[in-house]
């Protein structure tokens, strides 16, 4: 496909470089620490897994190992923020915000403190760890909280930019990270700004709105659909809250149908956010690709993504199901 605006890569090439999204967070946090001595970090006994080890090694006096105590993790973060620091607190998303949502709500959001909660190993691509560790409800949980910013980067390069942006943002923030290596589809020149969505592939037939790991899958689906005569516009939403309503509405007003794609529960997640927006301002035929009110399972990450319909092929199939609307 030749009409990509912000992604100058052949999405379907097997040689596309991959890296865990969390690796970009680790680099970004280290750089944020170099730029601002008020940036501090704390972790719940998962420093290496969440890639906070780079910061911990460079700034041991600004790092706290909390241990397996996620509720304490975020309340310590709130205390540090109240004293003028910019705290990043990390754990697996299943435990933060999964285990400590009430503490996040009361100590961070209610007081509008700039604590940055980093939820790693989100989605079913955690793999063999199974349903207990495959956090799928975190976007919903965090999006509903007043004052909270919610970001799900598409790749490690964007995760690095998002981390640096969050370090300068004065609001509470949630950064959602995946465990497995994800294709790198952006570059250092690709724009990123909190609260902005980006048209990666322009099209006129169907709008595919995506976030996180599913942005790669959406781009691959757009390539497949183009060959089938369906012109898909891919809108990448790294920021799920605040949602870029202007960019989304501009896209759906020129296309005939909408698909959302996320590696998370569609109820209350990106799909829910877009459905709310369109129901109020621009109703369109819509389908949501994601986890449909069920838990994950133990298995190989690639097998799980296929099993739950979280691949480019399934997005393309959903677009074909909307074909009657596209031909109007």
Protein backbone atom coordinates (compact mmCIF):
# COMPACT_ATOMS: atom_id res chain seq x y z
CA UNK A 1 0.00 0.00 0.00
CA UNK A 2 1.41 3.39 -0.91
CA UNK A 3 -0.79 5.92 0.85
CA UNK A 4 0.44 5.75 4.46
CA UNK A 5 1.00 9.18 6.01
CA UNK A 6 2.93 8.59 9.21
CA UNK A 7 4.14 5.01 8.84
CA UNK A 8 6.75 4.75 6.10
CA UNK A 9 7.20 0.98 6.32
CA UNK A 10 5.96 -2.18 4.64
CA UNK A 11 3.73 -3.45 7.43
CA UNK A 12 3.45 -6.96 6.02
CA UNK A 13 7.20 -7.59 5.78
CA UNK A 14 8.50 -10.42 7.95
CA UNK A 15 11.70 -8.44 8.50
CA UNK A 16 10.00 -5.63 10.42
CA UNK A 17 12.01 -5.02 13.59
CA UNK A 18 10.30 -5.92 16.87
CA UNK A 19 10.93 -4.96 20.49
CA UNK A 20 8.90 -5.13 23.71
CA UNK A 21 6.97 -1.90 24.21
CA UNK A 22 8.15 -1.84 27.83
CA UNK A 23 11.75 -1.44 26.62
CA UNK A 24 10.84 1.98 25.27
CA UNK A 25 9.40 2.91 28.65
CA UNK A 26 12.68 1.97 30.32
CA UNK A 27 14.67 4.21 27.99
CA UNK A 28 12.17 7.02 28.34
CA UNK A 29 12.20 6.90 32.13
CA UNK A 30 16.00 7.03 32.18
CA UNK A 31 15.98 10.05 29.87
CA UNK A 32 13.26 11.75 31.94
CA UNK A 33 15.42 11.22 35.04
CA UNK A 34 18.37 12.86 33.34
CA UNK A 35 16.26 15.85 32.33
CA UNK A 36 14.52 16.41 35.66
CA UNK A 37 15.91 15.55 39.08
CA UNK A 38 12.38 15.54 40.49
CA UNK A 39 11.56 12.40 38.53
CA UNK A 40 11.56 9.45 40.93
CA UNK A 41 10.51 5.82 40.60
CA UNK A 42 9.15 2.95 42.66
CA UNK A 43 8.40 -0.65 41.80
CA UNK A 44 6.59 -3.61 43.31
CA UNK A 45 9.35 -6.24 43.06
CA UNK A 46 9.32 -6.32 39.23
CA UNK A 47 12.07 -3.86 38.41
CA UNK A 48 13.60 -5.89 35.59
CA UNK A 49 10.31 -7.05 34.12
CA UNK A 50 8.90 -3.54 33.91
CA UNK A 51 12.25 -2.18 32.62
CA UNK A 52 12.69 0.20 35.54
CA UNK A 53 16.16 -1.27 36.14
CA UNK A 54 17.86 1.31 33.90
CA UNK A 55 16.57 4.13 36.09
CA UNK A 56 17.26 2.25 39.32
CA UNK A 57 20.89 1.68 38.33
CA UNK A 58 21.44 5.27 37.21
CA UNK A 59 19.63 6.96 40.11
CA UNK A 60 19.59 4.59 43.11
CA UNK A 61 18.91 7.48 45.48
CA UNK A 62 15.72 8.29 43.53
CA UNK A 63 14.41 4.72 43.33
CA UNK A 64 12.41 2.77 45.92
CA UNK A 65 11.82 -0.99 45.81
CA UNK A 66 8.46 -1.32 47.56
CA UNK A 67 8.18 -5.09 47.35
CA UNK A 68 5.02 -7.08 46.70
CA UNK A 69 2.72 -4.36 48.05
CA UNK A 70 0.91 -2.66 45.18
CA UNK A 71 -1.48 -0.69 47.37
CA UNK A 72 1.47 0.76 49.24
CA UNK A 73 3.22 1.38 45.90
CA UNK A 74 0.70 3.95 44.69
CA UNK A 75 0.19 5.60 48.07
CA UNK A 76 3.95 6.12 48.35
CA UNK A 77 3.74 7.60 44.86
CA UNK A 78 0.99 9.95 46.00
CA UNK A 79 3.09 11.08 48.95
CA UNK A 80 6.09 11.76 46.73
CA UNK A 81 3.93 13.74 44.30
CA UNK A 82 2.49 15.79 47.17
CA UNK A 83 6.07 16.77 48.03
CA UNK A 84 6.75 18.06 44.52
CA UNK A 85 8.25 14.95 42.93
CA UNK A 86 7.23 13.33 39.63
CA UNK A 87 6.80 9.65 40.57
CA UNK A 88 6.57 6.72 38.16
CA UNK A 89 5.29 3.56 39.85
CA UNK A 90 5.34 0.24 38.03
CA UNK A 91 4.05 -3.30 38.35
CA UNK A 92 2.12 -5.77 36.24
CA UNK A 93 -1.18 -4.28 35.10
CA UNK A 94 -3.01 -7.20 36.73
CA UNK A 95 -1.83 -5.88 40.09
CA UNK A 96 -1.62 -2.14 39.37
CA UNK A 97 -4.29 -0.97 38.73
CA UNK A 98 -5.87 -4.41 39.18
CA UNK A 99 -5.21 -4.71 42.90
CA UNK A 100 -4.91 -1.10 44.02
CA UNK A 101 -7.62 0.76 42.10
CA UNK A 102 -9.22 2.22 45.21
CA UNK A 103 -5.90 3.67 46.41
CA UNK A 104 -5.31 5.15 42.94
CA UNK A 105 -8.78 6.68 43.01
CA UNK A 106 -8.59 8.14 46.50
CA UNK A 107 -4.95 9.13 47.04
CA UNK A 108 -3.99 10.08 43.48
CA UNK A 109 -7.01 11.08 41.37
CA UNK A 110 -9.09 12.72 44.09
CA UNK A 111 -6.08 14.90 44.95
CA UNK A 112 -5.15 15.37 41.26
CA UNK A 113 -1.55 14.33 41.89
CA UNK A 114 0.85 13.73 38.95
CA UNK A 115 1.64 10.10 39.73
CA UNK A 116 2.39 8.02 36.62
CA UNK A 117 1.10 4.46 36.99
CA UNK A 118 2.83 2.02 34.65
CA UNK A 119 0.92 -1.20 34.04
CA UNK A 120 3.13 -3.72 32.25
CA UNK A 121 2.30 -7.16 30.82
CA UNK A 122 -1.22 -6.11 29.82
CA UNK A 123 -3.37 -8.07 27.38
CA UNK A 124 -3.60 -11.75 26.45
CA UNK A 125 -0.13 -11.71 24.86
CA UNK A 126 1.32 -12.32 28.33
CA UNK A 127 0.72 -15.91 27.22
CA UNK A 128 1.24 -18.95 29.47
CA UNK A 129 0.70 -16.97 32.71
CA UNK A 130 -3.01 -17.26 31.99
CA UNK A 131 -6.14 -15.36 32.93
CA UNK A 132 -4.95 -14.20 36.36
CA UNK A 133 -2.09 -12.22 34.79
CA UNK A 134 -3.72 -11.23 31.49
CA UNK A 135 -5.08 -7.82 32.44
CA UNK A 136 -7.88 -6.84 30.06
CA UNK A 137 -9.96 -4.49 32.19
CA UNK A 138 -7.34 -1.83 32.96
CA UNK A 139 -8.30 0.63 30.21
CA UNK A 140 -11.87 0.59 31.49
CA UNK A 141 -10.81 0.94 35.13
CA UNK A 142 -8.50 3.88 34.48
CA UNK A 143 -10.58 5.68 31.88
CA UNK A 144 -13.48 6.10 34.30
CA UNK A 145 -11.33 7.89 36.91
CA UNK A 146 -11.61 11.69 36.96
CA UNK A 147 -8.33 13.51 36.11
CA UNK A 148 -6.64 10.36 34.79
CA UNK A 149 -4.77 10.32 31.47
CA UNK A 150 -4.71 6.88 29.75
CA UNK A 151 -2.08 5.99 27.14
CA UNK A 152 -1.41 2.73 25.26
CA UNK A 153 1.60 3.12 22.93
CA UNK A 154 1.77 1.19 19.66
CA UNK A 155 5.44 0.27 19.93
CA UNK A 156 8.61 0.83 21.95
CA UNK A 157 9.52 4.04 20.11
CA UNK A 158 6.17 5.60 20.96
CA UNK A 159 6.39 4.31 24.53
CA UNK A 160 9.63 6.23 25.00
CA UNK A 161 7.98 9.43 23.74
CA UNK A 162 4.91 8.84 25.90
CA UNK A 163 7.04 8.39 29.01
CA UNK A 164 8.85 11.67 28.40
CA UNK A 165 5.55 13.44 27.76
CA UNK A 166 4.00 12.04 30.94
CA UNK A 167 7.00 13.23 32.95
CA UNK A 168 6.14 16.78 31.91
CA UNK A 169 2.37 16.42 32.27
CA UNK A 170 0.82 17.70 35.50
CA UNK A 171 -2.03 15.17 35.65
CA UNK A 172 -2.26 11.60 36.97
CA UNK A 173 -1.37 9.20 34.17
CA UNK A 174 -1.64 5.53 33.25
CA UNK A 175 0.79 3.98 30.77
CA UNK A 176 -0.22 0.56 29.42
CA UNK A 177 2.59 -1.74 28.28
CA UNK A 178 2.71 -5.17 26.65
CA UNK A 179 5.17 -7.96 27.47
CA UNK A 180 5.96 -9.53 24.10
CA UNK A 181 8.05 -8.00 21.33
CA UNK A 182 5.84 -5.84 19.12
CA UNK A 183 6.66 -4.68 15.56
CA UNK A 184 8.14 -1.18 15.49
CA UNK A 185 5.91 0.83 13.17
CA UNK A 186 6.80 4.40 14.16
CA UNK A 187 10.05 6.34 14.01
CA UNK A 188 11.67 9.10 16.03
CA UNK A 189 10.09 11.57 13.59
CA UNK A 190 6.55 10.23 14.05
CA UNK A 191 4.60 12.80 16.07
CA UNK A 192 3.31 12.07 19.56
CA UNK A 193 1.36 14.36 21.84
CA UNK A 194 -0.83 13.45 24.78
CA UNK A 195 -4.47 13.75 23.72
CA UNK A 196 -3.82 13.40 19.98
CA UNK A 197 -4.89 10.66 17.56
CA UNK A 198 -3.13 10.15 14.24
CA UNK A 199 -4.30 9.11 10.80
CA UNK A 200 -1.68 6.55 9.79
CA UNK A 201 -3.41 5.45 6.60
CA UNK A 202 -5.98 7.66 4.85
CA UNK A 203 -9.07 6.02 3.39
CA UNK A 204 -12.68 6.66 2.43
CA UNK A 205 -14.65 3.47 3.10
CA UNK A 206 -14.17 2.41 6.72
CA UNK A 207 -12.45 3.93 9.73
CA UNK A 208 -10.38 1.55 11.88
CA UNK A 209 -9.66 3.14 15.26
CA UNK A 210 -6.96 1.31 17.19
CA UNK A 211 -4.61 1.53 20.13
CA UNK A 212 -1.62 -0.24 21.64
CA UNK A 213 -0.50 -3.52 20.09
CA UNK A 214 -3.55 -3.60 17.83
CA UNK A 215 -2.37 -0.64 15.77
CA UNK A 216 0.08 -2.89 13.93
CA UNK A 217 -2.72 -5.38 13.32
CA UNK A 218 -4.99 -2.60 12.04
CA UNK A 219 -2.35 -1.41 9.58
CA UNK A 220 -1.84 -4.94 8.31
CA UNK A 221 -5.61 -5.32 7.97
CA UNK A 222 -5.75 -2.08 5.96
CA UNK A 223 -3.18 -3.53 3.54
CA UNK A 224 -5.29 -6.68 3.13
CA UNK A 225 -8.49 -4.69 2.64
CA UNK A 226 -6.90 -2.39 0.06
CA UNK A 227 -6.15 -5.43 -2.07
CA UNK A 228 -9.84 -6.42 -1.71
CA UNK A 229 -11.03 -3.01 -2.89
CA UNK A 230 -11.88 -1.60 0.57
CA UNK A 231 -10.15 1.67 1.42
CA UNK A 232 -9.59 1.72 5.18
CA UNK A 233 -8.54 4.76 7.17
CA UNK A 234 -6.45 3.78 10.19
CA UNK A 235 -6.68 6.14 13.15
CA UNK A 236 -4.17 5.38 15.90
CA UNK A 237 -5.27 6.50 19.37
CA UNK A 238 -2.30 6.18 21.71
CA UNK A 239 -4.20 8.42 24.12
CA UNK A 240 -7.50 6.83 25.07
CA UNK A 241 -8.24 9.56 27.59
CA UNK A 242 -8.55 12.39 26.80
CA UNK A 243 -9.93 11.06 23.52
CA UNK A 244 -9.16 13.09 20.40
CA UNK A 245 -12.79 13.57 19.41
CA UNK A 246 -12.00 16.03 16.62
CA UNK A 247 -9.74 13.63 14.70
CA UNK A 248 -12.10 10.68 15.16
CA UNK A 249 -15.20 12.62 14.13
CA UNK A 250 -13.42 14.07 11.10
CA UNK A 251 -12.57 10.56 9.97
CA UNK A 252 -15.93 8.90 10.53
CA UNK A 253 -17.78 11.77 8.87
CA UNK A 254 -16.11 10.89 5.56
CA UNK A 255 -16.29 7.08 5.83
CA UNK A 256 -19.31 4.80 6.04
CA UNK A 257 -18.55 2.54 9.02
CA UNK A 258 -16.28 2.22 12.06
CA UNK A 259 -14.22 -0.57 13.62
CA UNK A 260 -12.33 -0.28 16.89
CA UNK A 261 -9.47 -2.61 17.81
CA UNK A 262 -7.81 -3.15 21.19
CA UNK A 263 -6.16 -5.97 23.15
CA UNK A 264 -8.55 -5.37 26.01
CA UNK A 265 -12.20 -5.65 27.00
CA UNK A 266 -14.38 -3.83 24.47
CA UNK A 267 -16.80 -2.91 27.29
CA UNK A 268 -15.60 0.43 28.58
CA UNK A 269 -12.29 0.35 26.73
CA UNK A 270 -11.39 2.18 23.51
CA UNK A 271 -14.43 0.62 21.84
CA UNK A 272 -16.64 1.90 24.61
CA UNK A 273 -15.13 5.38 24.47
CA UNK A 274 -15.60 5.63 20.70
CA UNK A 275 -19.14 4.23 20.89
CA UNK A 276 -20.06 6.87 23.48
CA UNK A 277 -18.64 9.63 21.30
CA UNK A 278 -20.36 8.49 18.11
CA UNK A 279 -23.70 7.80 19.80
CA UNK A 280 -23.82 11.42 20.92
CA UNK A 281 -22.29 13.19 17.94
CA UNK A 282 -22.06 11.06 14.79
CA UNK A 283 -23.86 7.68 14.73
CA UNK A 284 -22.33 5.16 12.33
CA UNK A 285 -22.48 1.39 11.79
CA UNK A 286 -19.83 0.12 14.20
CA UNK A 287 -18.09 -3.08 15.24
CA UNK A 288 -15.64 -3.58 18.10
CA UNK A 289 -12.67 -5.96 17.89
CA UNK A 290 -11.30 -6.96 21.28
CA UNK A 291 -12.08 -9.22 24.21
CA UNK A 292 -15.80 -9.77 24.34
CA UNK A 293 -16.76 -10.15 27.99
CA UNK A 294 -14.52 -13.11 28.74
CA UNK A 295 -11.24 -13.88 30.46
CA UNK A 296 -8.02 -14.92 28.78
CA UNK A 297 -6.48 -18.40 28.79
CA UNK A 298 -3.04 -19.92 29.11
CA UNK A 299 -1.23 -20.44 25.81
CA UNK A 300 1.31 -19.23 23.31
CA UNK A 301 0.87 -15.47 22.69
CA UNK A 302 0.40 -15.85 18.93
CA UNK A 303 -2.10 -18.68 19.43
CA UNK A 304 -4.06 -16.62 21.93
CA UNK A 305 -4.26 -13.58 19.66
CA UNK A 306 -5.59 -15.79 16.88
CA UNK A 307 -7.97 -17.63 19.22
CA UNK A 308 -9.53 -14.42 20.49
CA UNK A 309 -9.69 -12.75 17.08
CA UNK A 310 -7.07 -10.10 17.82
CA UNK A 311 -5.24 -10.23 14.49
CA UNK A 312 -5.26 -8.38 11.17
CA UNK A 313 -7.17 -11.20 9.52
CA UNK A 314 -10.04 -10.85 11.96
CA UNK A 315 -10.17 -7.06 11.61
CA UNK A 316 -10.37 -7.51 7.83
CA UNK A 317 -13.17 -10.06 8.24
CA UNK A 318 -15.14 -7.61 10.37
CA UNK A 319 -14.71 -4.97 7.67
CA UNK A 320 -16.11 -7.40 5.09
CA UNK A 321 -19.09 -8.00 7.39
CA UNK A 322 -19.80 -4.27 7.08
CA UNK A 323 -19.60 -4.36 3.30
CA UNK A 324 -23.32 -3.68 2.79
CA UNK A 325 -22.85 -0.34 4.52
CA UNK A 326 -19.68 0.41 2.57
CA UNK A 327 -21.47 -0.01 -0.75
CA UNK A 328 -24.25 2.48 0.04
